Amino acid sequence: MKVKEVANLVGISVRTLHHYDEIGLLTSEETTESGYRIYSVNDLETLQQILFFKELGFPLKKIKEIIGSPSFDRQEALEMHRNLLLEKRNRLDKMIATVDKTIQDMKGEIKMSNKEKFEGFDFSHNPYEQEARERWGDKAVDESNAKINSMSQDEKKAFGDEFNAIYRDLAAIRHEAPDSDVAQEGIEKWYHFLNRMGSYSLDAFKGLGQMYVDDERFTKNIDQFGDGLAVFMRDAMAVYADRHKK
């Protein structure tokens, strides 16, 4: 199968497949005389593994390390995927039940306890944590985790509300120039918010912004607030970092 055929079959972009090839994660076994990639059945099986790992929050660097290991066993990996996905489904089922109960509570049909309002939420596991450790070191991540874990449920809710408010405000100005005063004022709030939870240098802040675009998981989540927000934040964060280093 050619690249476009694989992209259409799987539901990912051609650009993503090219990226996997460039980083050596998924290189097609064959190419045509014209240089077009041809994906074999084995390539598709490898792609399936990659996507399973991605669904479970593994960074591409770690996926490449795992599937490239001589000891990698596809069947064993599938069994692991199944167990982890069942665990994820169980957590999502709990969150769906919490949403349903909250709707009933708002309608006055039931009365929820404070504990019930937060059933299903799990702040003990962050799918990006290992990647963050690799990029910025254990100390910054541990400091951030310690602050979050020390919060009460009400404080965690307030934290989440403030997080969402900042993103909504940034989404509202995402069509402004990244170096404009309004954009820089908005992104400064994001910088100070992050540094309340951890310790981000200006270089780390700029690098985080770049990851918003380089890692499609971040792009997808951020752009839920508005198409193009991830790119806007990357550019505004780079301007902010460069200005304040001078």
C-alpha atoms as a PDB file:
ATOM      1  CA  MET A   1       0.000   0.000   0.000  1.00  0.00           C
ATOM      2  CA  LYS A   2       1.154   3.523  -0.765  1.00  0.00           C
ATOM      3  CA  VAL A   3       1.375   6.276   1.863  1.00  0.00           C
ATOM      4  CA  LYS A   4      -1.951   7.901   1.012  1.00  0.00           C
ATOM      5  CA  GLU A   5      -3.719   4.520   1.009  1.00  0.00           C
ATOM      6  CA  VAL A   6      -2.337   3.714   4.464  1.00  0.00           C
ATOM      7  CA  ALA A   7      -3.268   7.179   5.743  1.00  0.00           C
ATOM      8  CA  ASN A   8      -6.848   6.759   4.510  1.00  0.00           C
ATOM      9  CA  LEU A   9      -7.097   3.237   5.924  1.00  0.00           C
ATOM     10  CA  VAL A  10      -5.844   4.167   9.371  1.00  0.00           C
ATOM     11  CA  GLY A  11      -7.250   7.689   9.646  1.00  0.00           C
ATOM     12  CA  ILE A  12      -3.973   9.530  10.187  1.00  0.00           C
ATOM     13  CA  SER A  13      -2.282  12.128   8.020  1.00  0.00           C
ATOM     14  CA  VAL A  14       0.315  11.507   5.339  1.00  0.00           C
ATOM     15  CA  ARG A  15       2.462  14.020   7.191  1.00  0.00           C
ATOM     16  CA  THR A  16       2.379  11.815  10.292  1.00  0.00           C
ATOM     17  CA  LEU A  17       3.584   8.797   8.300  1.00  0.00           C
ATOM     18  CA  HIS A  18       6.377  10.888   6.785  1.00  0.00           C
ATOM     19  CA  HIS A  19       7.362  12.009  10.293  1.00  0.00           C
ATOM     20  CA  TYR A  20       7.470   8.413  11.530  1.00  0.00           C
ATOM     21  CA  ASP A  21       9.747   7.582   8.618  1.00  0.00           C
ATOM     22  CA  GLU A  22      12.021  10.574   9.248  1.00  0.00           C
ATOM     23  CA  ILE A  23      12.601   9.617  12.895  1.00  0.00           C
ATOM     24  CA  GLY A  24      13.092   5.941  12.061  1.00  0.00           C
ATOM     25  CA  LEU A  25       9.957   4.810  13.878  1.00  0.00           C
ATOM     26  CA  LEU A  26       8.241   3.295  10.837  1.00  0.00           C
ATOM     27  CA  THR A  27      10.237   2.942   7.649  1.00  0.00           C
ATOM     28  CA  SER A  28       8.506   1.158   4.774  1.00  0.00           C
ATOM     29  CA  GLU A  29      10.140  -2.075   3.627  1.00  0.00           C
ATOM     30  CA  GLU A  30       9.920  -1.144  -0.051  1.00  0.00           C
ATOM     31  CA  THR A  31       9.965   1.862  -2.350  1.00  0.00           C
ATOM     32  CA  THR A  32       8.979   2.160  -5.989  1.00  0.00           C
ATOM     33  CA  GLU A  33      11.422   3.161  -8.705  1.00  0.00           C
ATOM     34  CA  SER A  34       9.970   6.655  -8.410  1.00  0.00           C
ATOM     35  CA  GLY A  35      10.820   6.721  -4.707  1.00  0.00           C
ATOM     36  CA  TYR A  36       7.306   6.248  -3.327  1.00  0.00           C
ATOM     37  CA  ARG A  37       7.019   4.302  -0.077  1.00  0.00           C
ATOM     38  CA  ILE A  38       5.266   0.939  -0.206  1.00  0.00           C
ATOM     39  CA  TYR A  39       3.969  -0.444   3.094  1.00  0.00           C
ATOM     40  CA  SER A  40       3.896  -4.212   3.638  1.00  0.00           C
ATOM     41  CA  VAL A  41       1.701  -6.273   5.958  1.00  0.00           C
ATOM     42  CA  ASN A  42       4.558  -6.236   8.475  1.00  0.00           C
ATOM     43  CA  ASP A  43       4.703  -2.437   8.258  1.00  0.00           C
ATOM     44  CA  LEU A  44       0.975  -2.220   8.984  1.00  0.00           C
ATOM     45  CA  GLU A  45       1.370  -4.498  12.003  1.00  0.00           C
ATOM     46  CA  THR A  46       4.133  -2.243  13.287  1.00  0.00           C
ATOM     47  CA  LEU A  47       1.949   0.808  12.711  1.00  0.00           C
ATOM     48  CA  GLN A  48      -0.830  -0.839  14.702  1.00  0.00           C
ATOM     49  CA  GLN A  49       1.577  -1.301  17.612  1.00  0.00           C
ATOM     50  CA  ILE A  50       2.690   2.329  17.379  1.00  0.00           C
ATOM     51  CA  LEU A  51      -0.890   3.564  17.528  1.00  0.00           C
ATOM     52  CA  PHE A  52      -1.756   1.317  20.466  1.00  0.00           C
ATOM     53  CA  PHE A  53       1.207   2.715  22.410  1.00  0.00           C
ATOM     54  CA  LYS A  54       0.237   6.276  21.428  1.00  0.00           C
ATOM     55  CA  GLU A  55      -3.320   5.741  22.632  1.00  0.00           C
ATOM     56  CA  LEU A  56      -1.862   4.784  26.005  1.00  0.00           C
ATOM     57  CA  GLY A  57       0.197   7.979  26.183  1.00  0.00           C
ATOM     58  CA  PHE A  58       3.676   6.695  25.280  1.00  0.00           C
ATOM     59  CA  PRO A  59       5.939   9.302  23.636  1.00  0.00           C
ATOM     60  CA  LEU A  60       7.292   8.442  20.177  1.00  0.00           C
ATOM     61  CA  LYS A  61      10.843   8.213  21.485  1.00  0.00           C
ATOM     62  CA  LYS A  62       9.819   5.530  23.977  1.00  0.00           C
ATOM     63  CA  ILE A  63       7.734   3.664  21.379  1.00  0.00           C
ATOM     64  CA  LYS A  64      10.717   3.505  19.049  1.00  0.00           C
ATOM     65  CA  GLU A  65      12.863   2.155  21.875  1.00  0.00           C
ATOM     66  CA  ILE A  66      10.285  -0.511  22.792  1.00  0.00           C
ATOM     67  CA  ILE A  67       9.423  -1.880  19.350  1.00  0.00           C
ATOM     68  CA  GLY A  68      13.067  -1.715  18.261  1.00  0.00           C
ATOM     69  CA  SER A  69      14.219  -3.884  21.136  1.00  0.00           C
ATOM     70  CA  PRO A  70      15.380  -7.416  20.198  1.00  0.00           C
ATOM     71  CA  SER A  71      13.270  -8.733  23.077  1.00  0.00           C
ATOM     72  CA  PHE A  72      10.056  -7.085  21.807  1.00  0.00           C
ATOM     73  CA  ASP A  73       7.246  -9.645  21.520  1.00  0.00           C
ATOM     74  CA  ARG A  74       4.177  -8.536  19.562  1.00  0.00           C
ATOM     75  CA  GLN A  75       1.742 -10.926  21.251  1.00  0.00           C
ATOM     76  CA  GLU A  76       2.989  -9.969  24.691  1.00  0.00           C
ATOM     77  CA  ALA A  77       2.619  -6.305  23.743  1.00  0.00           C
ATOM     78  CA  LEU A  78      -0.967  -6.879  22.559  1.00  0.00           C
ATOM     79  CA  GLU A  79      -1.844  -8.525  25.856  1.00  0.00           C
ATOM     80  CA  MET A  80      -0.364  -5.562  27.703  1.00  0.00           C
ATOM     81  CA  HIS A  81      -2.317  -3.140  25.477  1.00  0.00           C
ATOM     82  CA  ARG A  82      -5.523  -4.993  26.269  1.00  0.00           C
ATOM     83  CA  ASN A  83      -4.962  -4.843  30.026  1.00  0.00           C
ATOM     84  CA  LEU A  84      -4.070  -1.150  29.984  1.00  0.00           C
ATOM     85  CA  LEU A  85      -7.003  -0.278  27.705  1.00  0.00           C
ATOM     86  CA  LEU A  86      -9.379  -2.137  30.011  1.00  0.00           C
ATOM     87  CA  GLU A  87      -7.982  -0.114  32.902  1.00  0.00           C
ATOM     88  CA  LYS A  88      -8.456   3.072  30.881  1.00  0.00           C
ATOM     89  CA  ARG A  89     -12.015   2.063  29.948  1.00  0.00           C
ATOM     90  CA  ASN A  90     -12.822   1.437  33.596  1.00  0.00           C
ATOM     91  CA  ARG A  91     -11.617   4.930  34.490  1.00  0.00           C
ATOM     92  CA  LEU A  92     -13.584   6.496  31.635  1.00  0.00           C
ATOM     93  CA  ASP A  93     -16.714   4.572  32.670  1.00  0.00           C
ATOM     94  CA  LYS A  94     -16.379   6.062  36.147  1.00  0.00           C
ATOM     95  CA  MET A  95     -15.985   9.567  34.710  1.00  0.00           C
ATOM     96  CA  ILE A  96     -19.025   9.100  32.443  1.00  0.00           C
ATOM     97  CA  ALA A  97     -21.025   7.971  35.457  1.00  0.00           C
ATOM     98  CA  THR A  98     -19.865  11.090  37.316  1.00  0.00           C
ATOM     99  CA  VAL A  99     -20.984  13.286  34.402  1.00  0.00           C
ATOM    100  CA  ASP A 100     -24.394  11.574  34.358  1.00  0.00           C
ATOM    101  CA  LYS A 101     -24.809  12.031  38.109  1.00  0.00           C
ATOM    102  CA  THR A 102     -23.725  15.672  37.876  1.00  0.00           C
ATOM    103  CA  ILE A 103     -26.400  16.325  35.241  1.00  0.00           C
ATOM    104  CA  GLN A 104     -28.984  14.718  37.523  1.00  0.00           C
ATOM    105  CA  ASP A 105     -27.681  16.795  40.438  1.00  0.00           C
ATOM    106  CA  MET A 106     -28.031  20.009  38.405  1.00  0.00           C
ATOM    107  CA  LYS A 107     -31.623  19.051  37.547  1.00  0.00           C
ATOM    108  CA  GLY A 108     -32.352  18.464  41.222  1.00  0.00           C
ATOM    109  CA  GLU A 109     -33.065  14.780  40.691  1.00  0.00           C
ATOM    110  CA  ILE A 110     -30.344  13.629  43.090  1.00  0.00           C
ATOM    111  CA  LYS A 111     -27.958  15.192  45.600  1.00  0.00           C
ATOM    112  CA  MET A 112     -24.263  14.413  45.080  1.00  0.00           C
ATOM    113  CA  SER A 113     -21.689  14.419  47.835  1.00  0.00           C
ATOM    114  CA  ASN A 114     -18.449  16.338  47.276  1.00  0.00           C
ATOM    115  CA  LYS A 115     -16.597  13.028  47.004  1.00  0.00           C
ATOM    116  CA  GLU A 116     -18.952  11.755  44.289  1.00  0.00           C
ATOM    117  CA  LYS A 117     -18.319  14.867  42.175  1.00  0.00           C
ATOM    118  CA  PHE A 118     -14.715  13.836  41.633  1.00  0.00           C
ATOM    119  CA  GLU A 119     -15.024  10.069  41.159  1.00  0.00           C
ATOM    120  CA  GLY A 120     -13.058   8.876  38.149  1.00  0.00           C
ATOM    121  CA  PHE A 121     -10.518  11.696  38.174  1.00  0.00           C
ATOM    122  CA  ASP A 122      -6.983  10.413  38.528  1.00  0.00           C
ATOM    123  CA  PHE A 123      -4.162  12.931  38.921  1.00  0.00           C
ATOM    124  CA  SER A 124      -1.675  10.260  39.970  1.00  0.00           C
ATOM    125  CA  HIS A 125      -0.767   9.404  36.366  1.00  0.00           C
ATOM    126  CA  ASN A 126       0.233  11.853  33.682  1.00  0.00           C
ATOM    127  CA  PRO A 127       0.771  10.284  30.222  1.00  0.00           C
ATOM    128  CA  TYR A 128       3.312  13.002  29.416  1.00  0.00           C
ATOM    129  CA  GLU A 129       5.258  12.657  32.660  1.00  0.00           C
ATOM    130  CA  GLN A 130       8.092  10.500  31.331  1.00  0.00           C
ATOM    131  CA  GLU A 131       8.530  12.826  28.385  1.00  0.00           C
ATOM    132  CA  ALA A 132       8.630  15.813  30.717  1.00  0.00           C
ATOM    133  CA  ARG A 133      11.273  14.095  32.841  1.00  0.00           C
ATOM    134  CA  GLU A 134      13.403  13.439  29.771  1.00  0.00           C
ATOM    135  CA  ARG A 135      13.154  17.057  28.637  1.00  0.00           C
ATOM    136  CA  TRP A 136      13.422  18.998  31.895  1.00  0.00           C
ATOM    137  CA  GLY A 137      14.633  16.601  34.549  1.00  0.00           C
ATOM    138  CA  ASP A 138      13.125  14.870  37.540  1.00  0.00           C
ATOM    139  CA  LYS A 139      13.307  17.840  39.905  1.00  0.00           C
ATOM    140  CA  ALA A 140      10.924  20.089  37.950  1.00  0.00           C
ATOM    141  CA  VAL A 141       8.400  17.289  37.443  1.00  0.00           C
ATOM    142  CA  ASP A 142       8.566  16.139  41.066  1.00  0.00           C
ATOM    143  CA  GLU A 143       8.040  19.710  42.297  1.00  0.00           C
ATOM    144  CA  SER A 144       4.986  20.093  40.072  1.00  0.00           C
ATOM    145  CA  ASN A 145       3.547  16.716  41.129  1.00  0.00           C
ATOM    146  CA  ALA A 146       4.105  17.494  44.800  1.00  0.00           C
ATOM    147  CA  LYS A 147       2.198  20.763  44.522  1.00  0.00           C
ATOM    148  CA  ILE A 148      -0.734  19.159  42.704  1.00  0.00           C
ATOM    149  CA  ASN A 149      -0.894  16.166  45.055  1.00  0.00           C
ATOM    150  CA  SER A 150      -0.909  18.454  48.087  1.00  0.00           C
ATOM    151  CA  MET A 151      -4.060  20.218  46.851  1.00  0.00           C
ATOM    152  CA  SER A 152      -7.500  19.582  48.229  1.00  0.00           C
ATOM    153  CA  GLN A 153     -10.248  18.571  45.796  1.00  0.00           C
ATOM    154  CA  ASP A 154     -11.575  22.135  45.810  1.00  0.00           C
ATOM    155  CA  GLU A 155      -8.118  23.509  45.086  1.00  0.00           C
ATOM    156  CA  LYS A 156      -7.692  21.060  42.208  1.00  0.00           C
ATOM    157  CA  LYS A 157     -11.020  22.191  40.772  1.00  0.00           C
ATOM    158  CA  ALA A 158     -10.004  25.857  41.090  1.00  0.00           C
ATOM    159  CA  PHE A 159      -6.677  24.990  39.444  1.00  0.00           C
ATOM    160  CA  GLY A 160      -8.487  23.330  36.529  1.00  0.00           C
ATOM    161  CA  ASP A 161     -10.908  26.249  36.180  1.00  0.00           C
ATOM    162  CA  GLU A 162      -8.047  28.752  36.034  1.00  0.00           C
ATOM    163  CA  PHE A 163      -6.200  26.577  33.526  1.00  0.00           C
ATOM    164  CA  ASN A 164      -9.243  26.481  31.234  1.00  0.00           C
ATOM    165  CA  ALA A 165      -9.861  30.223  31.637  1.00  0.00           C
ATOM    166  CA  ILE A 166      -6.313  31.047  30.507  1.00  0.00           C
ATOM    167  CA  TYR A 167      -6.686  28.812  27.458  1.00  0.00           C
ATOM    168  CA  ARG A 168     -10.049  30.335  26.562  1.00  0.00           C
ATOM    169  CA  ASP A 169      -8.586  33.846  26.845  1.00  0.00           C
ATOM    170  CA  LEU A 170      -5.632  32.881  24.649  1.00  0.00           C
ATOM    171  CA  ALA A 171      -7.965  31.262  22.113  1.00  0.00           C
ATOM    172  CA  ALA A 172      -9.916  34.522  21.895  1.00  0.00           C
ATOM    173  CA  ILE A 173      -6.772  36.425  20.822  1.00  0.00           C
ATOM    174  CA  ARG A 174      -5.094  33.699  18.750  1.00  0.00           C
ATOM    175  CA  HIS A 175      -5.529  35.690  15.531  1.00  0.00           C
ATOM    176  CA  GLU A 176      -3.481  38.583  16.929  1.00  0.00           C
ATOM    177  CA  ALA A 177       0.219  38.876  16.121  1.00  0.00           C
ATOM    178  CA  PRO A 178       2.243  36.751  18.598  1.00  0.00           C
ATOM    179  CA  ASP A 179       4.489  39.740  19.397  1.00  0.00           C
ATOM    180  CA  SER A 180       1.575  42.137  19.979  1.00  0.00           C
ATOM    181  CA  ASP A 181       1.014  43.610  23.434  1.00  0.00           C
ATOM    182  CA  VAL A 182      -2.272  41.753  23.916  1.00  0.00           C
ATOM    183  CA  ALA A 183      -0.686  38.409  22.949  1.00  0.00           C
ATOM    184  CA  GLN A 184       2.286  38.954  25.224  1.00  0.00           C
ATOM    185  CA  GLU A 185       0.088  39.934  28.162  1.00  0.00           C
ATOM    186  CA  GLY A 186      -1.935  36.761  27.678  1.00  0.00           C
ATOM    187  CA  ILE A 187       1.072  34.466  27.363  1.00  0.00           C
ATOM    188  CA  GLU A 188       2.708  36.051  30.414  1.00  0.00           C
ATOM    189  CA  LYS A 189      -0.258  34.826  32.485  1.00  0.00           C
ATOM    190  CA  TRP A 190       0.432  31.310  31.185  1.00  0.00           C
ATOM    191  CA  TYR A 191       4.135  31.590  32.103  1.00  0.00           C
ATOM    192  CA  HIS A 192       3.363  32.682  35.666  1.00  0.00           C
ATOM    193  CA  PHE A 193       0.662  30.012  36.008  1.00  0.00           C
ATOM    194  CA  LEU A 194       3.143  27.273  35.026  1.00  0.00           C
ATOM    195  CA  ASN A 195       5.728  28.594  37.453  1.00  0.00           C
ATOM    196  CA  ARG A 196       3.271  28.392  40.310  1.00  0.00           C
ATOM    197  CA  MET A 197       3.234  24.639  39.755  1.00  0.00           C
ATOM    198  CA  GLY A 198       6.869  24.039  38.838  1.00  0.00           C
ATOM    199  CA  SER A 199      10.062  25.808  37.884  1.00  0.00           C
ATOM    200  CA  TYR A 200      10.221  26.679  34.186  1.00  0.00           C
ATOM    201  CA  SER A 201      13.177  28.604  32.870  1.00  0.00           C
ATOM    202  CA  LEU A 202      12.601  30.819  29.837  1.00  0.00           C
ATOM    203  CA  ASP A 203      14.340  28.205  27.668  1.00  0.00           C
ATOM    204  CA  ALA A 204      12.100  25.443  29.048  1.00  0.00           C
ATOM    205  CA  PHE A 205       9.042  27.646  28.462  1.00  0.00           C
ATOM    206  CA  LYS A 206      10.086  28.188  24.847  1.00  0.00           C
ATOM    207  CA  GLY A 207      10.794  24.465  24.418  1.00  0.00           C
ATOM    208  CA  LEU A 208       7.391  23.597  25.850  1.00  0.00           C
ATOM    209  CA  GLY A 209       5.755  25.856  23.277  1.00  0.00           C
ATOM    210  CA  GLN A 210       7.602  24.106  20.476  1.00  0.00           C
ATOM    211  CA  MET A 211       6.396  20.741  21.776  1.00  0.00           C
ATOM    212  CA  TYR A 212       2.816  22.005  21.533  1.00  0.00           C
ATOM    213  CA  VAL A 213       3.283  21.896  17.753  1.00  0.00           C
ATOM    214  CA  ASP A 214       5.794  19.063  17.350  1.00  0.00           C
ATOM    215  CA  ASP A 215       3.728  16.585  19.353  1.00  0.00           C
ATOM    216  CA  GLU A 216       0.315  16.089  17.755  1.00  0.00           C
ATOM    217  CA  ARG A 217      -1.159  14.926  21.065  1.00  0.00           C
ATOM    218  CA  PHE A 218      -0.590  18.381  22.535  1.00  0.00           C
ATOM    219  CA  THR A 219      -1.736  20.109  19.337  1.00  0.00           C
ATOM    220  CA  LYS A 220      -4.991  18.153  19.314  1.00  0.00           C
ATOM    221  CA  ASN A 221      -5.768  18.906  22.967  1.00  0.00           C
ATOM    222  CA  ILE A 222      -4.845  22.593  22.775  1.00  0.00           C
ATOM    223  CA  ASP A 223      -6.671  23.224  19.506  1.00  0.00           C
ATOM    224  CA  GLN A 224      -9.891  22.038  21.131  1.00  0.00           C
ATOM    225  CA  PHE A 225     -10.051  25.583  22.500  1.00  0.00           C
ATOM    226  CA  GLY A 226      -9.644  27.003  18.975  1.00  0.00           C
ATOM    227  CA  ASP A 227      -8.026  25.952  15.706  1.00  0.00           C
ATOM    228  CA  GLY A 228      -4.478  27.254  15.464  1.00  0.00           C
ATOM    229  CA  LEU A 229      -4.111  27.950  19.191  1.00  0.00           C
ATOM    230  CA  ALA A 230      -1.100  25.627  19.579  1.00  0.00           C
ATOM    231  CA  VAL A 231       0.841  27.432  16.842  1.00  0.00           C
ATOM    232  CA  PHE A 232      -0.118  30.824  18.276  1.00  0.00           C
ATOM    233  CA  MET A 233       1.041  29.791  21.756  1.00  0.00           C
ATOM    234  CA  ARG A 234       4.310  28.405  20.428  1.00  0.00           C
ATOM    235  CA  ASP A 235       5.085  31.659  18.637  1.00  0.00           C
ATOM    236  CA  ALA A 236       3.988  33.881  21.519  1.00  0.00           C
ATOM    237  CA  MET A 237       5.954  31.807  24.050  1.00  0.00           C
ATOM    238  CA  ALA A 238       9.087  32.054  21.883  1.00  0.00           C
ATOM    239  CA  VAL A 239       8.730  35.842  21.660  1.00  0.00           C
ATOM    240  CA  TYR A 240       8.179  36.105  25.419  1.00  0.00           C
ATOM    241  CA  ALA A 241      11.210  33.937  26.224  1.00  0.00           C
ATOM    242  CA  ASP A 242      13.509  35.791  23.834  1.00  0.00           C
ATOM    243  CA  ARG A 243      12.414  39.214  25.065  1.00  0.00           C
ATOM    244  CA  HIS A 244      12.888  38.436  28.733  1.00  0.00           C
ATOM    245  CA  LYS A 245      16.300  36.820  28.307  1.00  0.00           C
ATOM    246  CA  LYS A 246      17.712  40.122  27.125  1.00  0.00           C
END
